Amino acid sequence: MKKQESPGAGGKAHLPEKICLACGRPFAWRKKWRASWDEVKTCSERCKGELRRETRAQKNASA
């Protein structure tokens, strides 16, 4: 017998998505981002660090 899912349950299809500025991959809303979703730019801490490194490298090259 197959377990039936409740009507409210389901995948992440209904969650908003953004494109990561560091890696270019789509990522979905997470509960921990509920207060700051508008400010979220990257999908992970790793991508956040990569974006910072790129920004610093550009600033150092232009200085």
C-alpha atoms as a PDB file:
ATOM      1  CA  MET A   1       0.000   0.000   0.000  1.00  0.00           C
ATOM      2  CA  LYS A   2       1.166   3.473  -0.853  1.00  0.00           C
ATOM      3  CA  LYS A   3       1.279   6.182   1.783  1.00  0.00           C
ATOM      4  CA  GLN A   4      -0.917   9.137   0.866  1.00  0.00           C
ATOM      5  CA  GLU A   5       0.481  12.613   1.334  1.00  0.00           C
ATOM      6  CA  SER A   6      -1.534  15.347   2.954  1.00  0.00           C
ATOM      7  CA  PRO A   7      -2.810  18.080   0.611  1.00  0.00           C
ATOM      8  CA  GLY A   8      -0.393  20.635   2.111  1.00  0.00           C
ATOM      9  CA  ALA A   9       2.633  18.394   1.670  1.00  0.00           C
ATOM     10  CA  GLY A  10       4.600  18.226  -1.498  1.00  0.00           C
ATOM     11  CA  GLY A  11       7.858  19.095  -3.102  1.00  0.00           C
ATOM     12  CA  LYS A  12       9.506  22.458  -3.359  1.00  0.00           C
ATOM     13  CA  ALA A  13       7.665  23.368  -6.554  1.00  0.00           C
ATOM     14  CA  HIS A  14       5.629  26.069  -4.837  1.00  0.00           C
ATOM     15  CA  LEU A  15       8.610  27.795  -3.164  1.00  0.00           C
ATOM     16  CA  PRO A  16      10.180  30.914  -4.690  1.00  0.00           C
ATOM     17  CA  GLU A  17      13.544  30.523  -6.402  1.00  0.00           C
ATOM     18  CA  LYS A  18      16.538  32.719  -7.177  1.00  0.00           C
ATOM     19  CA  ILE A  19      19.700  32.284  -9.220  1.00  0.00           C
ATOM     20  CA  CYS A  20      22.955  32.188  -7.251  1.00  0.00           C
ATOM     21  CA  LEU A  21      25.229  35.103  -8.187  1.00  0.00           C
ATOM     22  CA  ALA A  22      28.362  33.001  -7.638  1.00  0.00           C
ATOM     23  CA  CYS A  23      27.612  29.666  -9.325  1.00  0.00           C
ATOM     24  CA  GLY A  24      24.572  30.502 -11.472  1.00  0.00           C
ATOM     25  CA  ARG A  25      22.460  27.629 -10.187  1.00  0.00           C
ATOM     26  CA  PRO A  26      18.857  28.048  -9.061  1.00  0.00           C
ATOM     27  CA  PHE A  27      18.100  27.668  -5.364  1.00  0.00           C
ATOM     28  CA  ALA A  28      14.822  27.587  -3.456  1.00  0.00           C
ATOM     29  CA  TRP A  29      13.606  29.500  -0.422  1.00  0.00           C
ATOM     30  CA  ARG A  30      14.566  28.040   2.956  1.00  0.00           C
ATOM     31  CA  LYS A  31      12.886  28.529   6.286  1.00  0.00           C
ATOM     32  CA  LYS A  32      16.057  30.024   7.787  1.00  0.00           C
ATOM     33  CA  TRP A  33      15.899  32.774   5.134  1.00  0.00           C
ATOM     34  CA  ARG A  34      12.291  33.786   5.897  1.00  0.00           C
ATOM     35  CA  ALA A  35      13.295  37.114   7.485  1.00  0.00           C
ATOM     36  CA  SER A  36      15.949  38.034   4.916  1.00  0.00           C
ATOM     37  CA  TRP A  37      14.939  36.417   1.610  1.00  0.00           C
ATOM     38  CA  ASP A  38      15.230  39.742  -0.244  1.00  0.00           C
ATOM     39  CA  GLU A  39      18.890  40.078   0.819  1.00  0.00           C
ATOM     40  CA  VAL A  40      19.912  36.484   0.001  1.00  0.00           C
ATOM     41  CA  LYS A  41      22.168  36.418  -3.089  1.00  0.00           C
ATOM     42  CA  THR A  42      23.956  33.056  -2.908  1.00  0.00           C
ATOM     43  CA  CYS A  43      22.896  29.448  -2.422  1.00  0.00           C
ATOM     44  CA  SER A  44      25.514  28.491   0.173  1.00  0.00           C
ATOM     45  CA  GLU A  45      28.283  29.714   2.458  1.00  0.00           C
ATOM     46  CA  ARG A  46      30.812  28.421  -0.070  1.00  0.00           C
ATOM     47  CA  CYS A  47      29.320  30.558  -2.843  1.00  0.00           C
ATOM     48  CA  LYS A  48      29.113  33.514  -0.487  1.00  0.00           C
ATOM     49  CA  GLY A  49      32.854  33.221   0.166  1.00  0.00           C
ATOM     50  CA  GLU A  50      33.579  32.849  -3.545  1.00  0.00           C
ATOM     51  CA  LEU A  51      31.581  35.988  -4.340  1.00  0.00           C
ATOM     52  CA  ARG A  52      33.509  37.912  -1.667  1.00  0.00           C
ATOM     53  CA  ARG A  53      36.851  36.707  -3.057  1.00  0.00           C
ATOM     54  CA  GLU A  54      35.864  37.816  -6.570  1.00  0.00           C
ATOM     55  CA  THR A  55      34.755  41.230  -5.308  1.00  0.00           C
ATOM     56  CA  ARG A  56      37.993  41.748  -3.382  1.00  0.00           C
ATOM     57  CA  ALA A  57      40.076  40.694  -6.373  1.00  0.00           C
ATOM     58  CA  GLN A  58      38.272  43.214  -8.591  1.00  0.00           C
ATOM     59  CA  LYS A  59      38.780  46.000  -6.036  1.00  0.00           C
ATOM     60  CA  ASN A  60      42.501  45.195  -5.720  1.00  0.00           C
ATOM     61  CA  ALA A  61      42.965  45.096  -9.486  1.00  0.00           C
ATOM     62  CA  SER A  62      41.377  48.522  -9.985  1.00  0.00           C
ATOM     63  CA  ALA A  63      43.271  50.157  -7.099  1.00  0.00           C
END
